[in-house]
Amino acid sequence: MDSLMESYLQDCKIRGMSPRSLPGYKSALKMYDEYLSSREVEVLQADRESLRGFIEYMRTERRVSQRTIELAFSVLSGLYEYLVYEDRITTNPVLAVRKRYLRRYKDNGDQNERKLISVEDMSRLVNATLDIRDKAMITLLAKTGIRRNELISLDSSDVDLIENSIRLKPTGKRSNRTVFFDDECALLLRRWLKIREGLDKGKETALFLSSWGGRISRNDVYLTVTNAAARIGLHNPESKRLEDHFGPHCCRHWFCTHLFRAGMRREYIKELRGDSRKDAFDLYNHIDMKELKEAYLACIPQLGI
């Protein structure tokens, strides 16, 4: 398993997967290896019965969450697809097991909907956050709709405070790399950058610094958003319902929904989201960046910062 794991992780790197995802992949594969070893089953001989047993093992012995189980099976599916590609096995046994045992069923359509808050609640969330770094991070997520990893990878040099724009790092998930922010967000970024100058003792390029002076982590961003949301009653960490949780991705959901409600054209929202272009219309529909910025500034909600 060790050699297969290393080969698969190397394959993930070659395919351009984010380095931040690999530790989670490795953890899931090690848990799977422990389970197979305890049953004296080789990874290449694992079948549906073995995989179904792995689900029960994670639930009853490891006591992990449903989300962790789903993520683990996503990793295993990738592993077995790699083994099919390498002609080590003929079919991926994970697909049928995931479809039967890990399929999500919605209760009357709204049980698993991501939380959407109002413009007024977003205003409360930002204005109730006192730490200037946290305030700038939450506002930037809400005003640009960027993903958590995109926020983490930002350097100070990526921010243009003259044009009020950001040049994102290239990723496999994003087409358009330029996003805009408004004067409210610019005000907070300027304040944070002034404070940041006194905190950066080394040569750290990251826009947002952690408490120890390095680049922030995924968990730093998660805790910043959820702790702030919990303080004003927008996030309940004890609830099992997705709609009771407010995390970083909810800011992206808020961004897109309220731009749409303000009347922004759908193709403009897709461009700002950075959705990968999958059809001919997307490929040939060249959007003027000046028009896009003007539409953005006309539609992005104001939070009274």
Protein backbone atom coordinates (compact mmCIF):
# COMPACT_ATOMS: atom_id res chain seq x y z
CA MET A 1 0.00 0.00 0.00
CA ASP A 2 2.86 2.40 0.80
CA SER A 3 4.26 2.25 -2.73
CA LEU A 4 0.77 2.55 -4.29
CA MET A 5 0.01 5.52 -2.06
CA GLU A 6 3.21 7.33 -3.02
CA SER A 7 2.63 6.61 -6.72
CA TYR A 8 -0.94 7.88 -6.53
CA LEU A 9 0.01 11.04 -4.63
CA GLN A 10 2.75 11.72 -7.18
CA ASP A 11 0.14 11.31 -9.91
CA CYS A 12 -2.04 13.86 -8.09
CA LYS A 13 0.85 16.33 -8.09
CA ILE A 14 1.48 15.82 -11.80
CA ARG A 15 -2.21 16.49 -12.50
CA GLY A 16 -1.85 19.85 -10.76
CA MET A 17 -3.77 19.12 -7.57
CA SER A 18 -3.37 21.70 -4.80
CA PRO A 19 -0.56 20.74 -2.38
CA ARG A 20 -2.92 21.62 0.49
CA SER A 21 -5.21 18.73 -0.48
CA LEU A 22 -2.51 16.06 -0.33
CA PRO A 23 -2.21 15.70 3.48
CA GLY A 24 -5.94 14.96 3.65
CA TYR A 25 -5.56 12.38 0.88
CA LYS A 26 -2.69 10.74 2.70
CA SER A 27 -4.65 10.59 5.95
CA ALA A 28 -7.64 8.91 4.25
CA LEU A 29 -5.40 6.38 2.51
CA LYS A 30 -3.62 5.49 5.77
CA MET A 31 -6.96 4.89 7.49
CA TYR A 32 -7.99 2.65 4.59
CA ASP A 33 -4.67 0.80 4.78
CA GLU A 34 -5.15 0.18 8.53
CA TYR A 35 -8.61 -1.23 7.87
CA LEU A 36 -7.46 -3.54 5.06
CA SER A 37 -4.46 -4.75 7.09
CA SER A 38 -6.70 -5.65 10.04
CA ARG A 39 -8.82 -7.78 7.65
CA GLU A 40 -5.77 -9.17 5.79
CA VAL A 41 -7.04 -7.84 2.47
CA GLU A 42 -4.77 -6.48 -0.25
CA VAL A 43 -5.69 -3.15 -1.77
CA LEU A 44 -5.80 -4.63 -5.28
CA GLN A 45 -8.17 -7.39 -4.12
CA ALA A 46 -10.60 -5.13 -2.25
CA ASP A 47 -14.19 -5.56 -3.46
CA ARG A 48 -17.60 -4.11 -2.71
CA GLU A 49 -17.86 -6.10 0.51
CA SER A 50 -14.54 -4.74 1.73
CA LEU A 51 -15.54 -1.17 0.92
CA ARG A 52 -18.93 -1.55 2.59
CA GLY A 53 -17.12 -2.86 5.65
CA PHE A 54 -14.84 0.18 5.55
CA ILE A 55 -17.88 2.43 5.87
CA GLU A 56 -18.98 0.57 8.99
CA TYR A 57 -15.42 0.63 10.34
CA MET A 58 -15.26 4.41 10.04
CA ARG A 59 -18.69 4.88 11.60
CA THR A 60 -18.47 2.44 14.50
CA GLU A 61 -14.75 2.11 15.32
CA ARG A 62 -13.28 5.41 14.17
CA ARG A 63 -16.50 7.36 14.86
CA VAL A 64 -15.83 9.89 12.12
CA SER A 65 -18.44 12.19 10.63
CA GLN A 66 -20.47 11.47 7.51
CA ARG A 67 -18.58 14.24 5.74
CA THR A 68 -15.25 12.55 6.54
CA ILE A 69 -16.56 9.25 5.18
CA GLU A 70 -17.66 10.93 1.96
CA LEU A 71 -14.29 12.64 1.56
CA ALA A 72 -12.46 9.36 2.21
CA PHE A 73 -14.46 7.61 -0.50
CA SER A 74 -13.77 10.44 -2.89
CA VAL A 75 -10.05 9.82 -2.31
CA LEU A 76 -10.48 6.05 -2.72
CA SER A 77 -12.38 6.52 -5.96
CA GLY A 78 -9.47 8.57 -7.27
CA LEU A 79 -7.01 5.89 -6.15
CA TYR A 80 -8.88 3.09 -7.92
CA GLU A 81 -9.35 5.19 -11.07
CA TYR A 82 -5.57 5.61 -11.06
CA LEU A 83 -5.13 1.84 -10.69
CA VAL A 84 -7.50 1.26 -13.63
CA TYR A 85 -5.48 3.74 -15.69
CA GLU A 86 -2.27 1.90 -14.75
CA ASP A 87 -3.88 -1.46 -15.77
CA ARG A 88 -3.48 -2.81 -12.25
CA ILE A 89 -7.22 -3.54 -12.00
CA THR A 90 -10.05 -3.65 -14.55
CA THR A 91 -12.83 -1.70 -12.80
CA ASN A 92 -13.23 0.84 -10.02
CA PRO A 93 -15.12 -0.93 -7.17
CA VAL A 94 -15.80 2.33 -5.30
CA LEU A 95 -18.33 3.78 -7.74
CA ALA A 96 -21.17 1.36 -7.03
CA VAL A 97 -20.59 1.50 -3.25
CA ARG A 98 -20.63 5.31 -3.19
CA LYS A 99 -23.80 5.42 -5.25
CA ARG A 100 -25.65 2.98 -3.01
CA TYR A 101 -24.42 3.87 0.49
CA LEU A 102 -23.20 7.47 0.37
CA ARG A 103 -25.82 9.09 -1.80
CA ARG A 104 -27.42 12.16 -0.17
CA TYR A 105 -31.19 12.32 0.10
CA LYS A 106 -32.82 15.70 0.68
CA ASP A 107 -35.77 16.13 3.01
CA ASN A 108 -38.38 18.12 0.98
CA GLY A 109 -35.64 19.96 -0.86
CA ASP A 110 -34.24 22.23 1.84
CA GLN A 111 -32.56 20.02 4.45
CA ASN A 112 -29.12 20.26 2.82
CA GLU A 113 -29.26 23.77 1.42
CA ARG A 114 -26.28 25.96 2.23
CA LYS A 115 -27.08 28.87 4.52
CA LEU A 116 -27.88 32.15 2.80
CA ILE A 117 -27.94 35.29 4.94
CA SER A 118 -29.39 38.70 4.13
CA VAL A 119 -27.40 41.80 3.26
CA GLU A 120 -28.30 43.13 6.72
CA ASP A 121 -26.91 40.01 8.42
CA MET A 122 -23.69 40.21 6.40
CA SER A 123 -23.41 43.84 7.50
CA ARG A 124 -23.82 42.74 11.14
CA LEU A 125 -21.24 40.00 10.68
CA VAL A 126 -18.60 42.35 9.28
CA ASN A 127 -19.28 45.31 11.55
CA ALA A 128 -19.37 43.13 14.69
CA THR A 129 -15.90 41.75 13.87
CA LEU A 130 -13.33 43.89 15.69
CA ASP A 131 -10.01 42.41 14.56
CA ILE A 132 -9.03 44.27 11.40
CA ARG A 133 -7.44 41.23 9.76
CA ASP A 134 -10.55 39.12 10.34
CA LYS A 135 -12.79 41.97 9.21
CA ALA A 136 -10.82 42.35 5.98
CA MET A 137 -10.81 38.58 5.32
CA ILE A 138 -14.58 38.18 5.75
CA THR A 139 -15.31 41.27 3.67
CA LEU A 140 -12.98 40.13 0.89
CA LEU A 141 -14.67 36.72 0.77
CA ALA A 142 -18.11 38.34 0.62
CA LYS A 143 -17.24 41.10 -1.86
CA THR A 144 -15.30 38.90 -4.33
CA GLY A 145 -16.78 35.41 -3.92
CA ILE A 146 -13.31 33.85 -4.04
CA ARG A 147 -12.73 30.38 -2.65
CA ARG A 148 -10.97 29.70 0.63
CA ASN A 149 -7.81 28.37 -1.04
CA GLU A 150 -7.73 31.37 -3.34
CA LEU A 151 -7.80 33.66 -0.32
CA ILE A 152 -5.02 31.71 1.40
CA SER A 153 -2.73 31.86 -1.64
CA LEU A 154 -3.05 35.64 -2.08
CA ASP A 155 0.13 37.71 -1.80
CA SER A 156 0.21 41.41 -1.00
CA SER A 157 1.49 42.05 -4.53
CA ASP A 158 -1.68 40.48 -6.00
CA VAL A 159 -3.79 43.38 -4.70
CA ASP A 160 -4.13 46.52 -6.82
CA LEU A 161 -5.48 49.32 -4.62
CA ILE A 162 -5.52 51.76 -7.53
CA GLU A 163 -7.79 49.66 -9.77
CA ASN A 164 -9.48 47.92 -6.81
CA SER A 165 -8.77 44.52 -8.30
CA ILE A 166 -7.02 41.28 -7.42
CA ARG A 167 -5.06 38.93 -9.66
CA LEU A 168 -5.63 35.39 -8.38
CA LYS A 169 -3.19 32.52 -8.63
CA PRO A 170 -3.95 30.08 -11.49
CA THR A 171 -5.86 26.94 -10.48
CA GLY A 172 -7.60 24.13 -12.32
CA LYS A 173 -11.00 25.30 -11.01
CA ARG A 174 -10.83 28.90 -12.23
CA SER A 175 -10.94 30.50 -15.68
CA ASN A 176 -11.05 34.26 -15.03
CA ARG A 177 -8.30 35.27 -12.57
CA THR A 178 -9.21 38.94 -12.14
CA VAL A 179 -11.78 39.90 -9.50
CA PHE A 180 -12.85 43.31 -8.24
CA PHE A 181 -13.66 44.84 -4.88
CA ASP A 182 -15.39 48.08 -3.94
CA ASP A 183 -14.40 51.07 -1.79
CA GLU A 184 -15.69 49.45 1.42
CA CYS A 185 -13.37 46.50 0.93
CA ALA A 186 -10.51 48.76 -0.20
CA LEU A 187 -10.78 50.73 3.05
CA LEU A 188 -10.32 47.58 5.14
CA LEU A 189 -7.50 46.24 2.98
CA ARG A 190 -5.59 49.52 3.33
CA ARG A 191 -6.03 49.45 7.09
CA TRP A 192 -4.91 45.83 7.27
CA LEU A 193 -1.87 46.37 5.05
CA LYS A 194 -0.73 49.23 7.29
CA ILE A 195 -0.99 46.97 10.35
CA ARG A 196 0.61 44.10 8.43
CA GLU A 197 3.77 46.15 7.86
CA GLY A 198 4.45 46.14 11.58
CA LEU A 199 3.72 42.42 11.96
CA ASP A 200 5.83 41.03 9.12
CA LYS A 201 9.27 40.45 10.65
CA GLY A 202 10.58 38.31 7.81
CA LYS A 203 10.04 38.15 4.08
CA GLU A 204 6.56 36.66 4.09
CA THR A 205 4.69 37.54 0.90
CA ALA A 206 1.22 36.41 2.02
CA LEU A 207 -1.52 39.02 2.13
CA PHE A 208 -2.99 37.61 5.33
CA LEU A 209 -0.70 36.49 8.14
CA SER A 210 -1.44 33.97 10.87
CA SER A 211 -0.85 34.63 14.56
CA TRP A 212 2.68 33.18 14.24
CA GLY A 213 3.57 35.41 11.28
CA GLY A 214 3.27 32.92 8.41
CA ARG A 215 0.65 32.41 5.73
CA ILE A 216 -2.81 31.63 7.06
CA SER A 217 -4.16 28.08 6.81
CA ARG A 218 -7.52 26.67 5.74
CA ASN A 219 -8.41 26.22 9.40
CA ASP A 220 -7.48 29.84 10.18
CA VAL A 221 -9.99 31.03 7.57
CA TYR A 222 -12.66 28.58 8.74
CA LEU A 223 -12.36 29.63 12.38
CA THR A 224 -12.28 33.33 11.49
CA VAL A 225 -15.61 33.09 9.68
CA THR A 226 -17.40 30.58 11.92
CA ASN A 227 -16.36 32.19 15.21
CA ALA A 228 -17.51 35.61 13.99
CA ALA A 229 -20.79 34.14 12.72
CA ALA A 230 -21.38 32.21 15.96
CA ARG A 231 -20.98 35.39 18.04
CA ILE A 232 -24.01 36.99 16.36
CA GLY A 233 -26.09 33.82 16.08
CA LEU A 234 -25.50 32.96 12.42
CA HIS A 235 -23.57 29.73 13.03
CA ASN A 236 -24.50 26.81 15.29
CA PRO A 237 -21.59 24.33 15.48
CA GLU A 238 -23.72 21.84 17.43
CA SER A 239 -26.38 21.49 14.73
CA LYS A 240 -26.23 18.69 12.18
CA ARG A 241 -28.23 20.72 9.64
CA LEU A 242 -26.18 22.40 6.93
CA GLU A 243 -28.51 25.40 6.96
CA ASP A 244 -27.52 26.19 10.57
CA HIS A 245 -23.83 26.54 9.69
CA PHE A 246 -22.14 29.58 8.23
CA GLY A 247 -18.63 28.98 6.90
CA PRO A 248 -16.28 30.51 4.30
CA HIS A 249 -18.11 29.00 1.31
CA CYS A 250 -21.34 30.65 2.43
CA CYS A 251 -19.70 33.99 1.59
CA ARG A 252 -19.34 32.80 -2.02
CA HIS A 253 -22.98 31.72 -2.00
CA TRP A 254 -23.98 35.14 -0.61
CA PHE A 255 -21.90 36.95 -3.24
CA CYS A 256 -23.45 35.17 -6.22
CA THR A 257 -27.03 35.23 -4.93
CA HIS A 258 -27.12 38.92 -4.11
CA LEU A 259 -25.44 39.95 -7.36
CA PHE A 260 -28.13 37.99 -9.19
CA ARG A 261 -30.89 39.57 -7.09
CA ALA A 262 -29.44 43.01 -7.86
CA GLY A 263 -29.92 42.33 -11.58
CA MET A 264 -26.43 41.35 -12.74
CA ARG A 265 -26.34 39.33 -15.96
CA ARG A 266 -25.80 35.63 -15.46
CA GLU A 267 -22.70 35.48 -17.69
CA TYR A 268 -21.11 38.30 -15.66
CA ILE A 269 -21.68 36.37 -12.44
CA LYS A 270 -20.15 33.26 -14.01
CA GLU A 271 -17.12 35.30 -15.05
CA LEU A 272 -16.63 36.69 -11.54
CA ARG A 273 -17.09 33.24 -10.03
CA GLY A 274 -14.35 31.98 -12.34
CA ASP A 275 -16.33 28.94 -13.44
CA SER A 276 -14.45 26.78 -15.93
CA ARG A 277 -15.70 27.37 -19.46
CA LYS A 278 -17.35 24.17 -20.65
CA ASP A 279 -19.31 25.07 -23.76
CA ALA A 280 -18.73 26.92 -27.01
CA PHE A 281 -20.74 29.96 -25.91
CA ASP A 282 -18.48 30.45 -22.89
CA LEU A 283 -15.35 30.11 -25.01
CA TYR A 284 -16.41 32.69 -27.59
CA ASN A 285 -18.25 35.10 -25.31
CA HIS A 286 -15.47 37.61 -24.63
CA ILE A 287 -16.51 39.87 -21.76
CA ASP A 288 -15.19 43.43 -21.62
CA MET A 289 -13.47 43.87 -18.25
CA LYS A 290 -14.44 47.52 -17.95
CA GLU A 291 -18.12 46.66 -18.42
CA LEU A 292 -17.74 43.78 -15.97
CA LYS A 293 -16.26 46.05 -13.30
CA GLU A 294 -18.97 48.68 -13.81
CA ALA A 295 -21.68 46.02 -13.51
CA TYR A 296 -20.01 44.64 -10.38
CA LEU A 297 -19.83 48.04 -8.67
CA ALA A 298 -23.46 48.72 -9.57
CA CYS A 299 -24.69 45.44 -8.07
CA ILE A 300 -22.44 44.50 -5.14
CA PRO A 301 -24.32 45.13 -1.85
CA GLN A 302 -23.07 47.86 0.48
CA LEU A 303 -22.53 46.86 4.10
CA GLY A 304 -22.13 50.22 5.79
CA ILE A 305 -18.53 49.55 6.81
